């Protein structure tokens, strides 16, 4: 049986220590943690209709109506547009639909993105508006539990907080912890 010499043991020890230091800095050391105000979540806006590049636009701040349209390539045609609403800030999960009303006028409709799209971007669903079908899109919620959630919402005339999910039959503490980030109350 062959043993490592003292020099080889020192090199091996130094190498192991080096790897541990790298792992520490990689996973645990964060010297410049930003404050919660500096942690800007992505804002997701879907722009549809009379724009050059319809689709989902991602921002690192709350965008205005104007910014959302510009990021979607701008309007297809030159038309009259009420510029007062141009500075309206849009929240994440908004769907912005630009429709042609006449040859030189457009209409803007604001709505909410489909649940499946919201879930892709980890945007919480409104617990008081989500349909039974959309509830079933969430991992851990089947038809039976979705039905119980909708029934509870109907009996109580809506949820007042996400914490009320704990009162729904079939949702214990563990399941609640898994689900609570999927929902919001508006």
Protein backbone atom coordinates (compact mmCIF):
# COMPACT_ATOMS: atom_id res chain seq x y z
CA UNK A 1 0.00 0.00 0.00
CA UNK A 2 1.38 3.37 -0.96
CA UNK A 3 0.89 6.49 1.20
CA UNK A 4 1.02 10.14 0.19
CA UNK A 5 4.11 12.05 1.19
CA UNK A 6 3.82 15.04 3.52
CA UNK A 7 4.26 17.42 0.55
CA UNK A 8 1.52 15.65 -1.42
CA UNK A 9 -0.77 15.78 1.63
CA UNK A 10 -0.18 19.55 1.94
CA UNK A 11 -0.99 20.09 -1.75
CA UNK A 12 -4.12 17.96 -1.44
CA UNK A 13 -5.20 19.86 1.70
CA UNK A 14 -4.61 23.23 -0.01
CA UNK A 15 -6.61 22.08 -3.05
CA UNK A 16 -9.52 20.92 -0.84
CA UNK A 17 -9.45 24.22 1.06
CA UNK A 18 -9.43 26.15 -2.24
CA UNK A 19 -12.49 24.23 -3.47
CA UNK A 20 -14.32 24.91 -0.19
CA UNK A 21 -13.58 28.65 -0.45
CA UNK A 22 -14.88 28.73 -4.03
CA UNK A 23 -18.06 26.91 -3.00
CA UNK A 24 -18.57 29.32 -0.09
CA UNK A 25 -18.30 32.38 -2.33
CA UNK A 26 -20.45 30.77 -4.99
CA UNK A 27 -23.38 29.85 -2.74
CA UNK A 28 -23.22 31.76 0.54
CA UNK A 29 -21.27 35.00 0.32
CA UNK A 30 -23.23 37.98 -1.00
CA UNK A 31 -21.43 41.15 0.11
CA UNK A 32 -23.61 43.65 -1.75
CA UNK A 33 -27.12 42.47 -1.09
CA UNK A 34 -29.48 45.08 -2.38
CA UNK A 35 -32.32 46.43 -0.33
CA UNK A 36 -35.85 45.26 -1.18
CA UNK A 37 -36.50 48.55 -2.99
CA UNK A 38 -33.59 47.84 -5.31
CA UNK A 39 -34.81 44.33 -6.15
CA UNK A 40 -36.89 45.12 -9.20
CA UNK A 41 -39.01 42.26 -10.44
CA UNK A 42 -39.63 41.95 -14.10
CA UNK A 43 -42.83 43.54 -15.31
CA UNK A 44 -44.53 41.51 -18.03
CA UNK A 45 -46.99 43.18 -20.42
CA UNK A 46 -48.64 41.51 -23.42
CA UNK A 47 -49.31 43.88 -26.33
CA UNK A 48 -51.75 42.73 -29.02
CA UNK A 49 -53.51 44.15 -32.04
CA UNK A 50 -52.48 47.08 -34.21
CA UNK A 51 -48.76 47.12 -33.34
CA UNK A 52 -45.83 46.05 -35.50
CA UNK A 53 -44.55 43.29 -33.17
CA UNK A 54 -47.37 41.97 -30.99
CA UNK A 55 -46.35 39.74 -28.09
CA UNK A 56 -45.06 39.73 -24.56
CA UNK A 57 -42.78 42.60 -23.53
CA UNK A 58 -40.58 42.49 -20.43
CA UNK A 59 -39.55 45.60 -18.48
CA UNK A 60 -37.48 46.22 -15.35
CA UNK A 61 -39.77 49.02 -14.20
CA UNK A 62 -43.48 49.80 -14.36
CA UNK A 63 -43.91 50.76 -18.03
CA UNK A 64 -46.28 53.36 -19.36
CA UNK A 65 -48.78 52.70 -22.09
CA UNK A 66 -46.51 54.58 -24.49
CA UNK A 67 -43.41 52.56 -23.56
CA UNK A 68 -45.30 49.29 -24.02
CA UNK A 69 -46.50 50.27 -27.48
CA UNK A 70 -43.03 51.49 -28.48
CA UNK A 71 -41.37 48.27 -27.30
CA UNK A 72 -43.89 46.34 -29.43
CA UNK A 73 -42.59 48.20 -32.48
CA UNK A 74 -45.07 51.06 -32.37
CA UNK A 75 -48.44 51.37 -34.03
CA UNK A 76 -48.90 49.88 -37.50
CA UNK A 77 -50.50 53.06 -38.88
CA UNK A 78 -50.41 56.73 -38.02
CA UNK A 79 -53.63 57.36 -36.14
CA UNK A 80 -55.10 59.77 -33.61
CA UNK A 81 -54.39 58.69 -30.06
CA UNK A 82 -55.45 60.27 -26.77
CA UNK A 83 -52.04 61.17 -25.31
CA UNK A 84 -53.48 61.73 -21.80
CA UNK A 85 -53.58 57.97 -21.25
CA UNK A 86 -50.08 57.54 -22.72
CA UNK A 87 -48.47 58.09 -19.32
CA UNK A 88 -50.62 55.51 -17.50
CA UNK A 89 -48.40 52.95 -15.74
CA UNK A 90 -49.19 49.31 -16.41
CA UNK A 91 -48.81 46.57 -13.83
CA UNK A 92 -47.31 43.17 -14.47
CA UNK A 93 -49.70 40.73 -16.12
CA UNK A 94 -51.54 43.40 -18.10
CA UNK A 95 -52.72 42.65 -21.60
CA UNK A 96 -52.87 45.74 -23.78
CA UNK A 97 -55.04 45.38 -26.90
CA UNK A 98 -54.88 48.06 -29.60
CA UNK A 99 -57.90 47.94 -31.92
CA UNK A 100 -58.61 50.03 -34.99
CA UNK A 101 -61.86 51.91 -34.43
CA UNK A 102 -61.90 53.80 -37.74
CA UNK A 103 -59.42 54.81 -40.44
CA UNK A 104 -57.66 57.31 -38.17
CA UNK A 105 -58.69 56.29 -34.63
CA UNK A 106 -57.72 53.45 -32.36
CA UNK A 107 -59.16 52.07 -29.14
CA UNK A 108 -57.06 50.73 -26.28
CA UNK A 109 -58.36 47.99 -24.02
CA UNK A 110 -56.57 46.90 -20.86
CA UNK A 111 -57.13 43.45 -19.40
CA UNK A 112 -55.37 40.61 -17.63
CA UNK A 113 -53.18 38.02 -19.32
CA UNK A 114 -54.44 34.43 -19.50
CA UNK A 115 -53.76 32.35 -16.39
CA UNK A 116 -51.42 29.96 -18.22
CA UNK A 117 -49.24 32.89 -19.30
CA UNK A 118 -49.28 34.45 -15.84
CA UNK A 119 -48.12 31.16 -14.34
CA UNK A 120 -45.24 30.89 -16.80
CA UNK A 121 -43.92 34.23 -15.52
CA UNK A 122 -44.70 33.38 -11.85
CA UNK A 123 -47.30 36.15 -11.65
CA UNK A 124 -49.89 35.35 -8.97
CA UNK A 125 -53.50 34.72 -9.99
CA UNK A 126 -56.35 36.67 -8.39
CA UNK A 127 -57.95 34.15 -6.05
CA UNK A 128 -61.33 35.88 -6.38
CA UNK A 129 -61.40 35.72 -10.19
CA UNK A 130 -59.52 32.57 -11.17
CA UNK A 131 -61.67 29.93 -12.85
CA UNK A 132 -61.83 26.29 -11.85
CA UNK A 133 -60.07 25.33 -15.10
CA UNK A 134 -57.25 27.79 -14.42
CA UNK A 135 -56.88 26.51 -10.85
CA UNK A 136 -56.24 23.06 -12.31
CA UNK A 137 -53.19 24.47 -14.14
CA UNK A 138 -51.41 24.91 -10.81
CA UNK A 139 -49.35 21.89 -9.72
CA UNK A 140 -50.94 20.29 -6.68
CA UNK A 141 -54.48 21.38 -7.52
CA UNK A 142 -56.73 18.86 -9.22
CA UNK A 143 -60.39 19.13 -10.17
CA UNK A 144 -61.62 18.18 -6.71
CA UNK A 145 -59.53 20.77 -4.86
CA UNK A 146 -60.26 23.42 -7.50
CA UNK A 147 -63.96 22.74 -7.01
CA UNK A 148 -63.57 23.07 -3.23
CA UNK A 149 -61.73 26.40 -3.62
CA UNK A 150 -64.43 27.80 -5.92
CA UNK A 151 -67.18 26.53 -3.59
CA UNK A 152 -65.51 28.14 -0.56
CA UNK A 153 -65.14 31.41 -2.49
CA UNK A 154 -68.83 31.30 -3.40
CA UNK A 155 -69.98 30.62 0.17
CA UNK A 156 -67.81 33.40 1.60
CA UNK A 157 -68.52 35.82 -1.28
CA UNK A 158 -64.82 35.97 -2.05
CA UNK A 159 -61.51 35.60 -0.29
CA UNK A 160 -60.36 38.48 1.88
CA UNK A 161 -56.79 37.17 2.07
CA UNK A 162 -54.72 34.37 0.60
CA UNK A 163 -54.40 32.96 4.15
CA UNK A 164 -58.06 31.89 3.93
CA UNK A 165 -56.93 29.07 1.65
CA UNK A 166 -56.06 27.22 4.87
CA UNK A 167 -59.81 27.01 5.56
CA UNK A 168 -60.51 25.11 2.32
CA UNK A 169 -61.01 21.38 2.80
CA UNK A 170 -57.94 19.54 1.50
CA UNK A 171 -55.44 22.36 2.07
CA UNK A 172 -53.18 21.73 5.04
CA UNK A 173 -50.18 23.75 6.16
CA UNK A 174 -47.76 22.09 3.70
CA UNK A 175 -50.02 22.48 0.68
CA UNK A 176 -50.77 26.07 1.71
CA UNK A 177 -47.04 26.86 1.78
CA UNK A 178 -46.70 25.36 -1.71
CA UNK A 179 -49.69 27.29 -3.09
CA UNK A 180 -49.66 30.70 -1.37
CA UNK A 181 -47.21 32.26 -3.86
CA UNK A 182 -49.52 31.39 -6.75
CA UNK A 183 -52.28 33.71 -5.58
CA UNK A 184 -53.06 37.30 -4.75
CA UNK A 185 -56.20 39.19 -3.76
CA UNK A 186 -57.14 42.29 -5.75
